[in-house]
PDB file of N, CA and C in Angstrom:
ATOM      1  N   MET A   1     -10.250   3.942   7.130  1.00  0.00           N
ATOM      2  CA  MET A   1      -9.572   3.546   8.195  1.00  0.00           C
ATOM      3  C   MET A   1      -9.592   3.306   9.212  1.00  0.00           C
ATOM      4  N   TYR A   2     -10.720   4.527   9.434  1.00  0.00           N
ATOM      5  CA  TYR A   2     -11.056   3.717  10.729  1.00  0.00           C
ATOM      6  C   TYR A   2     -11.559   2.501  11.325  1.00  0.00           C
ATOM      7  N   ALA A   3     -11.752   1.795  10.014  1.00  0.00           N
ATOM      8  CA  ALA A   3     -12.478  -0.029  10.189  1.00  0.00           C
ATOM      9  C   ALA A   3     -11.653  -0.895  10.355  1.00  0.00           C
ATOM     10  N   ALA A   4     -10.321   0.145   9.941  1.00  0.00           N
ATOM     11  CA  ALA A   4      -8.670  -0.833  10.148  1.00  0.00           C
ATOM     12  C   ALA A   4      -8.437  -1.130  11.354  1.00  0.00           C
ATOM     13  N   LEU A   5      -8.216   0.134  11.695  1.00  0.00           N
ATOM     14  CA  LEU A   5      -7.791   0.302  13.105  1.00  0.00           C
ATOM     15  C   LEU A   5      -9.196  -0.170  14.474  1.00  0.00           C
ATOM     16  N   ALA A   6     -10.252  -0.072  14.245  1.00  0.00           N
ATOM     17  CA  ALA A   6     -11.386  -0.963  14.322  1.00  0.00           C
ATOM     18  C   ALA A   6     -10.566  -2.460  15.099  1.00  0.00           C
ATOM     19  N   ASN A   7     -10.342  -2.884  13.367  1.00  0.00           N
ATOM     20  CA  ASN A   7     -10.238  -4.802  13.555  1.00  0.00           C
ATOM     21  C   ASN A   7      -8.292  -4.655  14.144  1.00  0.00           C
ATOM     22  N   ARG A   8      -8.531  -5.441  15.120  1.00  0.00           N
ATOM     23  CA  ARG A   8      -7.151  -5.417  16.171  1.00  0.00           C
ATOM     24  C   ARG A   8      -6.462  -6.621  15.166  1.00  0.00           C
ATOM     25  N   ASP A   9      -6.630  -7.337  13.662  1.00  0.00           N
ATOM     26  CA  ASP A   9      -5.723  -7.914  13.275  1.00  0.00           C
ATOM     27  C   ASP A   9      -5.287  -7.623  11.969  1.00  0.00           C
ATOM     28  N   VAL A  10      -5.463  -6.366  11.809  1.00  0.00           N
ATOM     29  CA  VAL A  10      -4.896  -5.580  10.427  1.00  0.00           C
ATOM     30  C   VAL A  10      -3.442  -5.590  11.045  1.00  0.00           C
ATOM     31  N   ASN A  11      -2.543  -5.393  10.108  1.00  0.00           N
ATOM     32  CA  ASN A  11      -1.105  -5.430  10.426  1.00  0.00           C
ATOM     33  C   ASN A  11      -0.576  -4.279   9.331  1.00  0.00           C
ATOM     34  N   VAL A  12      -1.437  -3.814   8.548  1.00  0.00           N
ATOM     35  CA  VAL A  12      -1.120  -2.032   7.809  1.00  0.00           C
ATOM     36  C   VAL A  12      -2.054  -2.229   7.093  1.00  0.00           C
ATOM     37  N   CYS A  13      -2.249  -0.324   6.572  1.00  0.00           N
ATOM     38  CA  CYS A  13      -3.584   0.314   6.243  1.00  0.00           C
ATOM     39  C   CYS A  13      -2.652   1.413   5.282  1.00  0.00           C
ATOM     40  N   LEU A  14      -2.796   1.265   4.178  1.00  0.00           N
ATOM     41  CA  LEU A  14      -2.280   2.022   3.224  1.00  0.00           C
ATOM     42  C   LEU A  14      -3.665   3.360   2.876  1.00  0.00           C
ATOM     43  N   VAL A  15      -3.527   4.419   2.759  1.00  0.00           N
ATOM     44  CA  VAL A  15      -4.729   6.094   2.680  1.00  0.00           C
ATOM     45  C   VAL A  15      -3.644   6.432   1.607  1.00  0.00           C
ATOM     46  N   PRO A  16      -4.319   6.738   0.316  1.00  0.00           N
ATOM     47  CA  PRO A  16      -3.766   7.853  -0.028  1.00  0.00           C
ATOM     48  C   PRO A  16      -3.142   8.897   0.687  1.00  0.00           C
ATOM     49  N   GLU A  17      -3.196   9.747   2.268  1.00  0.00           N
ATOM     50  CA  GLU A  17      -3.553  10.858   2.146  1.00  0.00           C
ATOM     51  C   GLU A  17      -1.524  10.832   3.501  1.00  0.00           C
ATOM     52  N   PHE A  18      -1.206   9.078   3.194  1.00  0.00           N
ATOM     53  CA  PHE A  18       0.578   9.449   3.558  1.00  0.00           C
ATOM     54  C   PHE A  18       1.571   8.250   2.480  1.00  0.00           C
ATOM     55  N   GLN A  19       2.081   8.476   2.976  1.00  0.00           N
ATOM     56  CA  GLN A  19       2.983   8.102   2.009  1.00  0.00           C
ATOM     57  C   GLN A  19       3.835   7.190   2.464  1.00  0.00           C
ATOM     58  N   PHE A  20       4.394   6.711   2.203  1.00  0.00           N
ATOM     59  CA  PHE A  20       4.974   5.145   1.865  1.00  0.00           C
ATOM     60  C   PHE A  20       5.986   4.696   1.278  1.00  0.00           C
ATOM     61  N   ASP A  21       6.493   3.815   1.687  1.00  0.00           N
ATOM     62  CA  ASP A  21       8.319   3.452   0.220  1.00  0.00           C
ATOM     63  C   ASP A  21       7.788   1.862   0.211  1.00  0.00           C
ATOM     64  N   LEU A  22       8.070   2.086  -0.634  1.00  0.00           N
ATOM     65  CA  LEU A  22       7.202   0.056  -0.947  1.00  0.00           C
ATOM     66  C   LEU A  22       8.787  -0.560  -1.100  1.00  0.00           C
ATOM     67  N   GLU A  23      10.056   0.002  -1.003  1.00  0.00           N
ATOM     68  CA  GLU A  23      11.321  -1.203  -1.174  1.00  0.00           C
ATOM     69  C   GLU A  23      11.848  -0.479  -0.317  1.00  0.00           C
ATOM     70  N   GLY A  24      13.109  -1.412   0.478  1.00  0.00           N
ATOM     71  CA  GLY A  24      13.928  -0.908   0.955  1.00  0.00           C
ATOM     72  C   GLY A  24      14.045  -1.303   2.392  1.00  0.00           C
ATOM     73  N   PRO A  25      14.971  -1.196   3.670  1.00  0.00           N
ATOM     74  CA  PRO A  25      15.119  -2.209   4.641  1.00  0.00           C
ATOM     75  C   PRO A  25      13.383  -1.354   5.991  1.00  0.00           C
ATOM     76  N   HIS A  26      13.041   0.265   5.701  1.00  0.00           N
ATOM     77  CA  HIS A  26      12.147   0.129   6.515  1.00  0.00           C
ATOM     78  C   HIS A  26      10.943   0.304   5.127  1.00  0.00           C
ATOM     79  N   GLY A  27      10.660  -0.452   3.725  1.00  0.00           N
ATOM     80  CA  GLY A  27       9.847  -0.178   2.948  1.00  0.00           C
ATOM     81  C   GLY A  27       8.391  -1.138   3.935  1.00  0.00           C
ATOM     82  N   LEU A  28       7.465  -1.384   3.125  1.00  0.00           N
ATOM     83  CA  LEU A  28       6.637  -2.193   2.841  1.00  0.00           C
ATOM     84  C   LEU A  28       6.471  -3.358   2.438  1.00  0.00           C
ATOM     85  N   LEU A  29       7.271  -4.202   1.562  1.00  0.00           N
ATOM     86  CA  LEU A  29       7.567  -5.449   1.353  1.00  0.00           C
ATOM     87  C   LEU A  29       8.692  -5.372   2.306  1.00  0.00           C
ATOM     88  N   GLU A  30       9.660  -5.083   3.266  1.00  0.00           N
ATOM     89  CA  GLU A  30      10.540  -5.713   4.162  1.00  0.00           C
ATOM     90  C   GLU A  30       8.929  -5.580   5.377  1.00  0.00           C
ATOM     91  N   TYR A  31       8.419  -5.152   5.582  1.00  0.00           N
ATOM     92  CA  TYR A  31       7.407  -5.160   6.664  1.00  0.00           C
ATOM     93  C   TYR A  31       6.686  -6.816   6.788  1.00  0.00           C
ATOM     94  N   THR A  32       6.457  -6.500   5.493  1.00  0.00           N
ATOM     95  CA  THR A  32       5.631  -7.788   5.112  1.00  0.00           C
ATOM     96  C   THR A  32       5.882  -8.942   5.671  1.00  0.00           C
ATOM     97  N   ARG A  33       7.387  -8.885   4.841  1.00  0.00           N
ATOM     98  CA  ARG A  33       8.397 -10.618   5.136  1.00  0.00           C
ATOM     99  C   ARG A  33       8.337 -10.085   6.810  1.00  0.00           C
ATOM    100  N   GLN A  34       8.583  -9.539   7.069  1.00  0.00           N
ATOM    101  CA  GLN A  34       8.823 -10.106   8.750  1.00  0.00           C
ATOM    102  C   GLN A  34       7.701 -10.353   9.486  1.00  0.00           C
ATOM    103  N   LYS A  35       6.665  -9.988   9.138  1.00  0.00           N
ATOM    104  CA  LYS A  35       5.039 -10.443  10.146  1.00  0.00           C
ATOM    105  C   LYS A  35       4.961 -11.774   9.481  1.00  0.00           C
ATOM    106  N   VAL A  36       5.250 -11.932   8.113  1.00  0.00           N
ATOM    107  CA  VAL A  36       4.837 -13.142   7.533  1.00  0.00           C
ATOM    108  C   VAL A  36       6.054 -14.107   8.202  1.00  0.00           C
ATOM    109  N   LEU A  37       7.077 -14.011   8.140  1.00  0.00           N
ATOM    110  CA  LEU A  37       7.911 -14.782   8.976  1.00  0.00           C
ATOM    111  C   LEU A  37       7.687 -14.727  10.407  1.00  0.00           C
ATOM    112  N   GLN A  38       7.024 -14.421  10.790  1.00  0.00           N
ATOM    113  CA  GLN A  38       6.738 -13.974  12.607  1.00  0.00           C
ATOM    114  C   GLN A  38       5.450 -15.118  12.960  1.00  0.00           C
ATOM    115  N   LYS A  39       4.755 -14.023  12.655  1.00  0.00           N
ATOM    116  CA  LYS A  39       3.613 -14.740  12.159  1.00  0.00           C
ATOM    117  C   LYS A  39       2.609 -15.630  11.515  1.00  0.00           C
ATOM    118  N   ARG A  40       3.585 -16.001  10.654  1.00  0.00           N
ATOM    119  CA  ARG A  40       2.826 -16.613   9.244  1.00  0.00           C
ATOM    120  C   ARG A  40       1.297 -15.829   8.400  1.00  0.00           C
ATOM    121  N   SER A  41       1.510 -14.656   8.306  1.00  0.00           N
ATOM    122  CA  SER A  41       0.465 -13.901   7.740  1.00  0.00           C
ATOM    123  C   SER A  41       1.052 -12.566   7.950  1.00  0.00           C
ATOM    124  N   CYS A  42       0.093 -11.426   7.347  1.00  0.00           N
ATOM    125  CA  CYS A  42       0.427 -10.028   7.879  1.00  0.00           C
ATOM    126  C   CYS A  42      -0.897  -9.744   7.389  1.00  0.00           C
ATOM    127  N   ILE A  43      -2.316  -8.761   7.512  1.00  0.00           N
ATOM    128  CA  ILE A  43      -3.715  -8.557   6.974  1.00  0.00           C
ATOM    129  C   ILE A  43      -2.796  -7.376   6.135  1.00  0.00           C
ATOM    130  N   ILE A  44      -3.411  -6.375   4.516  1.00  0.00           N
ATOM    131  CA  ILE A  44      -3.127  -5.251   4.084  1.00  0.00           C
ATOM    132  C   ILE A  44      -4.416  -4.627   3.776  1.00  0.00           C
ATOM    133  N   VAL A  45      -4.544  -3.303   4.364  1.00  0.00           N
ATOM    134  CA  VAL A  45      -5.833  -3.053   4.284  1.00  0.00           C
ATOM    135  C   VAL A  45      -5.757  -2.246   3.281  1.00  0.00           C
ATOM    136  N   ILE A  46      -6.444  -1.887   1.900  1.00  0.00           N
ATOM    137  CA  ILE A  46      -5.725  -1.049   0.715  1.00  0.00           C
ATOM    138  C   ILE A  46      -6.568   0.234   0.752  1.00  0.00           C
ATOM    139  N   ALA A  47      -6.727   1.031   0.202  1.00  0.00           N
ATOM    140  CA  ALA A  47      -8.017   2.363  -0.044  1.00  0.00           C
ATOM    141  C   ALA A  47      -7.967   2.812  -0.543  1.00  0.00           C
ATOM    142  N   GLU A  48      -8.692   2.985  -2.111  1.00  0.00           N
ATOM    143  CA  GLU A  48      -8.146   3.397  -3.295  1.00  0.00           C
ATOM    144  C   GLU A  48      -8.065   4.394  -3.127  1.00  0.00           C
ATOM    145  N   GLY A  49      -6.563   4.574  -4.341  1.00  0.00           N
ATOM    146  CA  GLY A  49      -6.332   5.262  -4.289  1.00  0.00           C
ATOM    147  C   GLY A  49      -4.755   5.897  -3.489  1.00  0.00           C
ATOM    148  N   ALA A  50      -3.778   4.533  -3.332  1.00  0.00           N
ATOM    149  CA  ALA A  50      -3.861   4.224  -2.212  1.00  0.00           C
ATOM    150  C   ALA A  50      -1.931   4.354  -2.887  1.00  0.00           C
ATOM    151  N   ASN A  51      -1.772   3.615  -4.289  1.00  0.00           N
ATOM    152  CA  ASN A  51      -0.561   3.670  -4.771  1.00  0.00           C
ATOM    153  C   ASN A  51      -0.286   4.867  -5.414  1.00  0.00           C
ATOM    154  N   LYS A  52      -0.915   6.251  -5.159  1.00  0.00           N
ATOM    155  CA  LYS A  52      -0.019   8.089  -5.090  1.00  0.00           C
ATOM    156  C   LYS A  52       0.604   7.855  -3.727  1.00  0.00           C
ATOM    157  N   GLY A  53       0.122   7.112  -3.168  1.00  0.00           N
ATOM    158  CA  GLY A  53       1.308   7.566  -1.440  1.00  0.00           C
ATOM    159  C   GLY A  53       2.532   6.719  -2.069  1.00  0.00           C
ATOM    160  N   VAL A  54       2.949   6.014  -2.703  1.00  0.00           N
ATOM    161  CA  VAL A  54       3.665   5.293  -2.792  1.00  0.00           C
ATOM    162  C   VAL A  54       5.425   6.617  -3.603  1.00  0.00           C
ATOM    163  N   ARG A  55       6.537   6.574  -2.923  1.00  0.00           N
ATOM    164  CA  ARG A  55       8.052   7.449  -3.102  1.00  0.00           C
ATOM    165  C   ARG A  55       8.452   6.288  -3.977  1.00  0.00           C
ATOM    166  N   ASP A  56       8.353   5.447  -4.577  1.00  0.00           N
ATOM    167  CA  ASP A  56       9.417   4.603  -5.030  1.00  0.00           C
ATOM    168  C   ASP A  56       9.407   5.720  -6.587  1.00  0.00           C
ATOM    169  N   ALA A  57      10.364   6.069  -6.767  1.00  0.00           N
ATOM    170  CA  ALA A  57      10.574   6.425  -8.381  1.00  0.00           C
ATOM    171  C   ALA A  57      10.518   6.006  -9.300  1.00  0.00           C
ATOM    172  N   ASP A  58      11.075   4.385  -9.052  1.00  0.00           N
ATOM    173  CA  ASP A  58      10.924   3.528 -10.222  1.00  0.00           C
ATOM    174  C   ASP A  58       9.796   2.588  -9.555  1.00  0.00           C
ATOM    175  N   LEU A  59       8.756   3.165  -9.918  1.00  0.00           N
ATOM    176  CA  LEU A  59       7.469   2.252  -9.554  1.00  0.00           C
ATOM    177  C   LEU A  59       6.206   3.195 -11.346  1.00  0.00           C
ATOM    178  N   ARG A  60       6.700   2.383 -12.526  1.00  0.00           N
ATOM    179  CA  ARG A  60       5.165   2.559 -12.814  1.00  0.00           C
ATOM    180  C   ARG A  60       4.526   2.558 -12.709  1.00  0.00           C
ATOM    181  N   LEU A  61       3.805   4.467 -12.416  1.00  0.00           N
ATOM    182  CA  LEU A  61       2.148   3.439 -12.723  1.00  0.00           C
ATOM    183  C   LEU A  61       1.061   3.708 -13.920  1.00  0.00           C
ATOM    184  N   PRO A  62       0.555   2.998 -14.543  1.00  0.00           N
ATOM    185  CA  PRO A  62      -0.498   3.253 -14.957  1.00  0.00           C
ATOM    186  C   PRO A  62      -0.587   4.886 -15.737  1.00  0.00           C
ATOM    187  N   GLU A  63      -1.230   4.958 -16.799  1.00  0.00           N
ATOM    188  CA  GLU A  63      -1.672   6.358 -17.416  1.00  0.00           C
ATOM    189  C   GLU A  63      -3.280   6.797 -16.658  1.00  0.00           C
ATOM    190  N   LEU A  64      -3.458   8.121 -16.251  1.00  0.00           N
ATOM    191  CA  LEU A  64      -4.420   8.527 -15.394  1.00  0.00           C
ATOM    192  C   LEU A  64      -5.287   9.066 -15.933  1.00  0.00           C
ATOM    193  N   ASP A  65      -6.687   9.179 -16.359  1.00  0.00           N
ATOM    194  CA  ASP A  65      -7.141   9.816 -16.953  1.00  0.00           C
ATOM    195  C   ASP A  65      -7.325  11.540 -16.900  1.00  0.00           C
ATOM    196  N   LYS A  66      -8.489  12.007 -17.454  1.00  0.00           N
ATOM    197  CA  LYS A  66      -8.426  13.686 -16.284  1.00  0.00           C
ATOM    198  C   LYS A  66      -8.767  13.853 -15.109  1.00  0.00           C
ATOM    199  N   GLU A  67     -10.007  12.440 -14.722  1.00  0.00           N
ATOM    200  CA  GLU A  67      -9.864  13.366 -13.098  1.00  0.00           C
ATOM    201  C   GLU A  67      -8.581  11.965 -11.984  1.00  0.00           C
ATOM    202  N   GLY A  68      -8.098  11.435 -12.223  1.00  0.00           N
ATOM    203  CA  GLY A  68      -6.430  10.608 -12.082  1.00  0.00           C
ATOM    204  C   GLY A  68      -6.794   9.524 -11.924  1.00  0.00           C
ATOM    205  N   ASN A  69      -7.597   9.098 -11.827  1.00  0.00           N
ATOM    206  CA  ASN A  69      -7.928   7.310 -12.594  1.00  0.00           C
ATOM    207  C   ASN A  69      -7.520   7.117 -12.836  1.00  0.00           C
ATOM    208  N   PRO A  70      -7.007   5.692 -13.223  1.00  0.00           N
ATOM    209  CA  PRO A  70      -5.851   4.269 -13.896  1.00  0.00           C
ATOM    210  C   PRO A  70      -6.633   4.707 -14.720  1.00  0.00           C
ATOM    211  N   LYS A  71      -6.167   4.661 -15.807  1.00  0.00           N
ATOM    212  CA  LYS A  71      -6.294   4.094 -17.805  1.00  0.00           C
ATOM    213  C   LYS A  71      -6.445   2.627 -18.172  1.00  0.00           C
ATOM    214  N   LEU A  72      -7.838   2.472 -18.186  1.00  0.00           N
ATOM    215  CA  LEU A  72      -7.464   0.897 -18.549  1.00  0.00           C
ATOM    216  C   LEU A  72      -6.762   0.143 -19.275  1.00  0.00           C
ATOM    217  N   GLN A  73      -5.781  -0.299 -19.599  1.00  0.00           N
ATOM    218  CA  GLN A  73      -4.929  -1.025 -20.945  1.00  0.00           C
ATOM    219  C   GLN A  73      -5.649  -2.039 -21.180  1.00  0.00           C
ATOM    220  N   VAL A  74      -5.528  -1.317 -22.731  1.00  0.00           N
ATOM    221  CA  VAL A  74      -6.646  -2.260 -23.836  1.00  0.00           C
ATOM    222  C   VAL A  74      -5.657  -2.926 -24.988  1.00  0.00           C
TER     223      VAL A  74
END
């Protein structure tokens, strides 16, 4: 997170400690769309485990192992 804050080019930094909406008028997808329309780019830094912060109940996340890591689909 601190590296993303130090870099002035990063638009979004996703970390597992903070929840975020993926869809909707104030969601990540809409924000990204608006940035791309304005600046033609949007830089997103994603920390490992940031998907735990997604508040979208319809998002299908992979099955987790006992340590909480996603299981590989074989």
